[in-house]
């Protein structure tokens, strides 16, 4: 009977290891997604700044006429 109990404990440890690997994969995926989102936000910010500069230049040009 002792062997059966030991076998169950080994199975639980293997499942825990799999869960740890899954958790680590999820953390990696979340970090990757966060990096992509922050990169997109940065690109969007640059585009907004460029748009503002263009609009400002156009409005300045129109005022000079």
PDB file of N, CA and C in Angstrom:
ATOM      1  N   UNK A   1       0.826  -1.193   0.000  1.00  0.00           N
ATOM      2  CA  UNK A   1       0.000   0.000   0.000  1.00  0.00           C
ATOM      3  C   UNK A   1       0.869   1.255   0.000  1.00  0.00           C
ATOM      4  N   UNK A   2       2.008   1.180   0.613  1.00  0.00           N
ATOM      5  CA  UNK A   2       2.923   2.317   0.693  1.00  0.00           C
ATOM      6  C   UNK A   2       3.345   2.758  -0.703  1.00  0.00           C
ATOM      7  N   UNK A   3       3.592   1.820  -1.603  1.00  0.00           N
ATOM      8  CA  UNK A   3       4.012   2.147  -2.960  1.00  0.00           C
ATOM      9  C   UNK A   3       2.925   2.913  -3.704  1.00  0.00           C
ATOM     10  N   UNK A   4       1.693   2.557  -3.471  1.00  0.00           N
ATOM     11  CA  UNK A   4       0.594   3.239  -4.147  1.00  0.00           C
ATOM     12  C   UNK A   4       0.541   4.705  -3.712  1.00  0.00           C
ATOM     13  N   UNK A   5       0.763   4.948  -2.459  1.00  0.00           N
ATOM     14  CA  UNK A   5       0.742   6.317  -1.950  1.00  0.00           C
ATOM     15  C   UNK A   5       1.914   7.094  -2.535  1.00  0.00           C
ATOM     16  N   UNK A   6       3.100   6.492  -2.566  1.00  0.00           N
ATOM     17  CA  UNK A   6       4.271   7.154  -3.137  1.00  0.00           C
ATOM     18  C   UNK A   6       4.051   7.466  -4.608  1.00  0.00           C
ATOM     19  N   UNK A   7       3.423   6.566  -5.341  1.00  0.00           N
ATOM     20  CA  UNK A   7       3.146   6.785  -6.760  1.00  0.00           C
ATOM     21  C   UNK A   7       2.226   7.971  -6.963  1.00  0.00           C
ATOM     22  N   UNK A   8       1.235   8.107  -6.090  1.00  0.00           N
ATOM     23  CA  UNK A   8       0.307   9.236  -6.187  1.00  0.00           C
ATOM     24  C   UNK A   8       1.036  10.553  -5.955  1.00  0.00           C
ATOM     25  N   UNK A   9       1.954  10.549  -4.993  1.00  0.00           N
ATOM     26  CA  UNK A   9       2.705  11.768  -4.708  1.00  0.00           C
ATOM     27  C   UNK A   9       3.570  12.168  -5.889  1.00  0.00           C
ATOM     28  N   UNK A  10       4.167  11.172  -6.564  1.00  0.00           N
ATOM     29  CA  UNK A  10       4.998  11.466  -7.729  1.00  0.00           C
ATOM     30  C   UNK A  10       4.160  12.077  -8.842  1.00  0.00           C
ATOM     31  N   UNK A  11       2.946  11.548  -9.042  1.00  0.00           N
ATOM     32  CA  UNK A  11       2.067  12.089 -10.080  1.00  0.00           C
ATOM     33  C   UNK A  11       1.705  13.536  -9.765  1.00  0.00           C
ATOM     34  N   UNK A  12       1.437  13.823  -8.492  1.00  0.00           N
ATOM     35  CA  UNK A  12       1.094  15.187  -8.105  1.00  0.00           C
ATOM     36  C   UNK A  12       2.261  16.131  -8.357  1.00  0.00           C
ATOM     37  N   UNK A  13       3.492  15.671  -8.066  1.00  0.00           N
ATOM     38  CA  UNK A  13       4.667  16.505  -8.307  1.00  0.00           C
ATOM     39  C   UNK A  13       4.827  16.798  -9.790  1.00  0.00           C
ATOM     40  N   UNK A  14       4.583  15.787 -10.636  1.00  0.00           N
ATOM     41  CA  UNK A  14       4.686  15.993 -12.083  1.00  0.00           C
ATOM     42  C   UNK A  14       3.650  17.010 -12.546  1.00  0.00           C
ATOM     43  N   UNK A  15       2.428  16.911 -12.013  1.00  0.00           N
ATOM     44  CA  UNK A  15       1.380  17.862 -12.380  1.00  0.00           C
ATOM     45  C   UNK A  15       1.769  19.270 -11.934  1.00  0.00           C
ATOM     46  N   UNK A  16       2.350  19.382 -10.739  1.00  0.00           N
ATOM     47  CA  UNK A  16       2.798  20.687 -10.250  1.00  0.00           C
ATOM     48  C   UNK A  16       3.866  21.265 -11.161  1.00  0.00           C
ATOM     49  N   UNK A  17       4.795  20.420 -11.624  1.00  0.00           N
ATOM     50  CA  UNK A  17       5.838  20.880 -12.541  1.00  0.00           C
ATOM     51  C   UNK A  17       5.224  21.391 -13.834  1.00  0.00           C
ATOM     52  N   UNK A  18       4.223  20.664 -14.353  1.00  0.00           N
ATOM     53  CA  UNK A  18       3.543  21.098 -15.579  1.00  0.00           C
ATOM     54  C   UNK A  18       2.845  22.431 -15.355  1.00  0.00           C
ATOM     55  N   UNK A  19       2.202  22.578 -14.188  1.00  0.00           N
ATOM     56  CA  UNK A  19       1.521  23.833 -13.862  1.00  0.00           C
ATOM     57  C   UNK A  19       2.519  24.982 -13.794  1.00  0.00           C
ATOM     58  N   UNK A  20       3.695  24.716 -13.194  1.00  0.00           N
ATOM     59  CA  UNK A  20       4.729  25.750 -13.100  1.00  0.00           C
ATOM     60  C   UNK A  20       5.194  26.171 -14.483  1.00  0.00           C
ATOM     61  N   UNK A  21       5.368  25.198 -15.381  1.00  0.00           N
ATOM     62  CA  UNK A  21       5.790  25.509 -16.749  1.00  0.00           C
ATOM     63  C   UNK A  21       4.717  26.321 -17.463  1.00  0.00           C
ATOM     64  N   UNK A  22       3.451  25.939 -17.259  1.00  0.00           N
ATOM     65  CA  UNK A  22       2.350  26.681 -17.876  1.00  0.00           C
ATOM     66  C   UNK A  22       2.310  28.115 -17.353  1.00  0.00           C
ATOM     67  N   UNK A  23       2.489  28.266 -16.039  1.00  0.00           N
ATOM     68  CA  UNK A  23       2.494  29.604 -15.447  1.00  0.00           C
ATOM     69  C   UNK A  23       3.632  30.441 -16.017  1.00  0.00           C
ATOM     70  N   UNK A  24       4.792  29.817 -16.169  1.00  0.00           N
ATOM     71  CA  UNK A  24       5.945  30.536 -16.711  1.00  0.00           C
ATOM     72  C   UNK A  24       5.686  30.943 -18.162  1.00  0.00           C
ATOM     73  N   UNK A  25       5.074  30.046 -18.941  1.00  0.00           N
ATOM     74  CA  UNK A  25       4.728  30.374 -20.328  1.00  0.00           C
ATOM     75  C   UNK A  25       3.738  31.527 -20.376  1.00  0.00           C
ATOM     76  N   UNK A  26       2.754  31.495 -19.483  1.00  0.00           N
ATOM     77  CA  UNK A  26       1.758  32.572 -19.442  1.00  0.00           C
ATOM     78  C   UNK A  26       2.418  33.905 -19.099  1.00  0.00           C
ATOM     79  N   UNK A  27       3.340  33.878 -18.143  1.00  0.00           N
ATOM     80  CA  UNK A  27       4.047  35.112 -17.767  1.00  0.00           C
ATOM     81  C   UNK A  27       4.859  35.642 -18.942  1.00  0.00           C
ATOM     82  N   UNK A  28       5.542  34.741 -19.651  1.00  0.00           N
ATOM     83  CA  UNK A  28       6.321  35.163 -20.816  1.00  0.00           C
ATOM     84  C   UNK A  28       5.416  35.771 -21.874  1.00  0.00           C
ATOM     85  N   UNK A  29       4.291  35.120 -22.126  1.00  0.00           N
ATOM     86  CA  UNK A  29       3.353  35.628 -23.131  1.00  0.00           C
ATOM     87  C   UNK A  29       2.805  36.992 -22.725  1.00  0.00           C
ATOM     88  N   UNK A  30       2.479  37.152 -21.435  1.00  0.00           N
ATOM     89  CA  UNK A  30       1.968  38.438 -20.960  1.00  0.00           C
ATOM     90  C   UNK A  30       3.012  39.533 -21.123  1.00  0.00           C
ATOM     91  N   UNK A  31       4.267  39.211 -20.768  1.00  0.00           N
ATOM     92  CA  UNK A  31       5.339  40.202 -20.920  1.00  0.00           C
ATOM     93  C   UNK A  31       5.515  40.584 -22.381  1.00  0.00           C
ATOM     94  N   UNK A  32       5.454  39.589 -23.255  1.00  0.00           N
ATOM     95  CA  UNK A  32       5.608  39.846 -24.691  1.00  0.00           C
ATOM     96  C   UNK A  32       4.479  40.742 -25.192  1.00  0.00           C
ATOM     97  N   UNK A  33       3.243  40.439 -24.771  1.00  0.00           N
ATOM     98  CA  UNK A  33       2.097  41.251 -25.179  1.00  0.00           C
ATOM     99  C   UNK A  33       2.222  42.678 -24.638  1.00  0.00           C
ATOM    100  N   UNK A  34       2.683  42.813 -23.396  1.00  0.00           N
ATOM    101  CA  UNK A  34       2.854  44.146 -22.813  1.00  0.00           C
ATOM    102  C   UNK A  34       3.895  44.947 -23.580  1.00  0.00           C
ATOM    103  N   UNK A  35       4.978  44.293 -23.980  1.00  0.00           N
ATOM    104  CA  UNK A  35       6.010  44.980 -24.766  1.00  0.00           C
ATOM    105  C   UNK A  35       5.445  45.434 -26.104  1.00  0.00           C
ATOM    106  N   UNK A  36       4.655  44.552 -26.752  1.00  0.00           N
ATOM    107  CA  UNK A  36       4.063  44.908 -28.045  1.00  0.00           C
ATOM    108  C   UNK A  36       3.111  46.088 -27.893  1.00  0.00           C
ATOM    109  N   UNK A  37       2.283  46.063 -26.825  1.00  0.00           N
ATOM    110  CA  UNK A  37       1.338  47.167 -26.606  1.00  0.00           C
ATOM    111  C   UNK A  37       2.071  48.469 -26.328  1.00  0.00           C
ATOM    112  N   UNK A  38       3.131  48.407 -25.532  1.00  0.00           N
ATOM    113  CA  UNK A  38       3.852  49.646 -25.230  1.00  0.00           C
ATOM    114  C   UNK A  38       4.557  50.154 -26.475  1.00  0.00           C
ATOM    115  N   UNK A  39       5.021  49.244 -27.308  1.00  0.00           N
ATOM    116  CA  UNK A  39       5.646  49.642 -28.576  1.00  0.00           C
ATOM    117  C   UNK A  39       4.608  50.322 -29.467  1.00  0.00           C
ATOM    118  N   UNK A  40       3.403  49.738 -29.534  1.00  0.00           N
ATOM    119  CA  UNK A  40       2.329  50.335 -30.333  1.00  0.00           C
ATOM    120  C   UNK A  40       1.959  51.711 -29.791  1.00  0.00           C
ATOM    121  N   UNK A  41       1.892  51.836 -28.468  1.00  0.00           N
ATOM    122  CA  UNK A  41       1.569  53.140 -27.867  1.00  0.00           C
ATOM    123  C   UNK A  41       2.631  54.162 -28.229  1.00  0.00           C
ATOM    124  N   UNK A  42       3.880  53.741 -28.216  1.00  0.00           N
ATOM    125  CA  UNK A  42       4.971  54.638 -28.587  1.00  0.00           C
ATOM    126  C   UNK A  42       4.859  55.080 -30.025  1.00  0.00           C
ATOM    127  N   UNK A  43       4.552  54.140 -30.913  1.00  0.00           N
ATOM    128  CA  UNK A  43       4.391  54.458 -32.334  1.00  0.00           C
ATOM    129  C   UNK A  43       3.213  55.403 -32.512  1.00  0.00           C
ATOM    130  N   UNK A  44       2.112  55.122 -31.821  1.00  0.00           N
ATOM    131  CA  UNK A  44       0.940  55.992 -31.920  1.00  0.00           C
ATOM    132  C   UNK A  44       1.258  57.389 -31.408  1.00  0.00           C
ATOM    133  N   UNK A  45       2.025  57.478 -30.336  1.00  0.00           N
ATOM    134  CA  UNK A  45       2.402  58.790 -29.800  1.00  0.00           C
ATOM    135  C   UNK A  45       3.225  59.568 -30.813  1.00  0.00           C
ATOM    136  N   UNK A  46       4.162  58.890 -31.453  1.00  0.00           N
ATOM    137  CA  UNK A  46       4.992  59.543 -32.468  1.00  0.00           C
ATOM    138  C   UNK A  46       4.119  60.030 -33.617  1.00  0.00           C
ATOM    139  N   UNK A  47       3.168  59.198 -34.033  1.00  0.00           N
ATOM    140  CA  UNK A  47       2.270  59.591 -35.128  1.00  0.00           C
ATOM    141  C   UNK A  47       1.437  60.803 -34.728  1.00  0.00           C
ATOM    142  N   UNK A  48       0.967  60.824 -33.480  1.00  0.00           N
ATOM    143  CA  UNK A  48       0.180  61.964 -33.010  1.00  0.00           C
ATOM    144  C   UNK A  48       1.019  63.237 -33.005  1.00  0.00           C
ATOM    145  N   UNK A  49       2.249  63.129 -32.565  1.00  0.00           N
ATOM    146  CA  UNK A  49       3.137  64.298 -32.540  1.00  0.00           C
ATOM    147  C   UNK A  49       3.387  64.797 -33.956  1.00  0.00           C
ATOM    148  N   UNK A  50       3.653  63.868 -34.870  1.00  0.00           N
ATOM    149  CA  UNK A  50       3.890  64.257 -36.266  1.00  0.00           C
ATOM    150  C   UNK A  50       2.648  64.915 -36.858  1.00  0.00           C
ATOM    151  N   UNK A  51       1.479  64.356 -36.566  1.00  0.00           N
ATOM    152  CA  UNK A  51       0.231  64.945 -37.063  1.00  0.00           C
ATOM    153  C   UNK A  51       0.056  66.358 -36.522  1.00  0.00           C
ATOM    154  N   UNK A  52       0.326  66.543 -35.246  1.00  0.00           N
ATOM    155  CA  UNK A  52       0.203  67.863 -34.643  1.00  0.00           C
ATOM    156  C   UNK A  52       1.152  68.850 -35.318  1.00  0.00           C
ATOM    157  N   UNK A  53       2.383  68.417 -35.552  1.00  0.00           N
ATOM    158  CA  UNK A  53       3.363  69.301 -36.197  1.00  0.00           C
ATOM    159  C   UNK A  53       2.913  69.686 -37.600  1.00  0.00           C
ATOM    160  N   UNK A  54       2.377  68.727 -38.334  1.00  0.00           N
ATOM    161  CA  UNK A  54       1.898  69.003 -39.696  1.00  0.00           C
ATOM    162  C   UNK A  54       0.734  69.982 -39.642  1.00  0.00           C
ATOM    163  N   UNK A  55      -0.223  69.731 -38.738  1.00  0.00           N
ATOM    164  CA  UNK A  55      -1.368  70.634 -38.604  1.00  0.00           C
ATOM    165  C   UNK A  55      -0.910  72.033 -38.213  1.00  0.00           C
ATOM    166  N   UNK A  56       0.039  72.110 -37.312  1.00  0.00           N
ATOM    167  CA  UNK A  56       0.565  73.409 -36.876  1.00  0.00           C
ATOM    168  C   UNK A  56       1.230  74.131 -38.044  1.00  0.00           C
ATOM    169  N   UNK A  57       2.018  73.398 -38.822  1.00  0.00           N
ATOM    170  CA  UNK A  57       2.702  73.993 -39.972  1.00  0.00           C
ATOM    171  C   UNK A  57       1.683  74.494 -40.995  1.00  0.00           C
ATOM    172  N   UNK A  58       0.638  73.717 -41.236  1.00  0.00           N
ATOM    173  CA  UNK A  58      -0.402  74.120 -42.191  1.00  0.00           C
ATOM    174  C   UNK A  58      -1.120  75.366 -41.682  1.00  0.00           C
ATOM    175  N   UNK A  59      -1.477  75.364 -40.399  1.00  0.00           N
ATOM    176  CA  UNK A  59      -2.189  76.533 -39.867  1.00  0.00           C
ATOM    177  C   UNK A  59      -1.288  77.771 -39.893  1.00  0.00           C
ATOM    178  N   UNK A  60      -0.006  77.604 -39.617  1.00  0.00           N
ATOM    179  CA  UNK A  60       0.929  78.733 -39.698  1.00  0.00           C
ATOM    180  C   UNK A  60       1.039  79.245 -41.132  1.00  0.00           C
ATOM    181  N   UNK A  61       1.086  78.316 -42.090  1.00  0.00           N
ATOM    182  CA  UNK A  61       1.161  78.702 -43.501  1.00  0.00           C
ATOM    183  C   UNK A  61      -0.095  79.454 -43.928  1.00  0.00           C
ATOM    184  N   UNK A  62      -1.248  78.992 -43.471  1.00  0.00           N
ATOM    185  CA  UNK A  62      -2.502  79.650 -43.829  1.00  0.00           C
ATOM    186  C   UNK A  62      -2.580  81.050 -43.216  1.00  0.00           C
ATOM    187  N   UNK A  63      -2.078  81.206 -42.023  1.00  0.00           N
ATOM    188  CA  UNK A  63      -2.095  82.514 -41.370  1.00  0.00           C
ATOM    189  C   UNK A  63      -1.181  83.509 -42.077  1.00  0.00           C
ATOM    190  N   UNK A  64      -0.123  83.003 -42.676  1.00  0.00           N
ATOM    191  CA  UNK A  64       0.827  83.905 -43.338  1.00  0.00           C
ATOM    192  C   UNK A  64       0.257  84.468 -44.646  1.00  0.00           C
ATOM    193  N   UNK A  65      -0.784  83.855 -45.186  1.00  0.00           N
ATOM    194  CA  UNK A  65      -1.376  84.366 -46.431  1.00  0.00           C
ATOM    195  C   UNK A  65      -2.301  85.463 -46.135  1.00  0.00           C
TER     196      UNK A  65
END
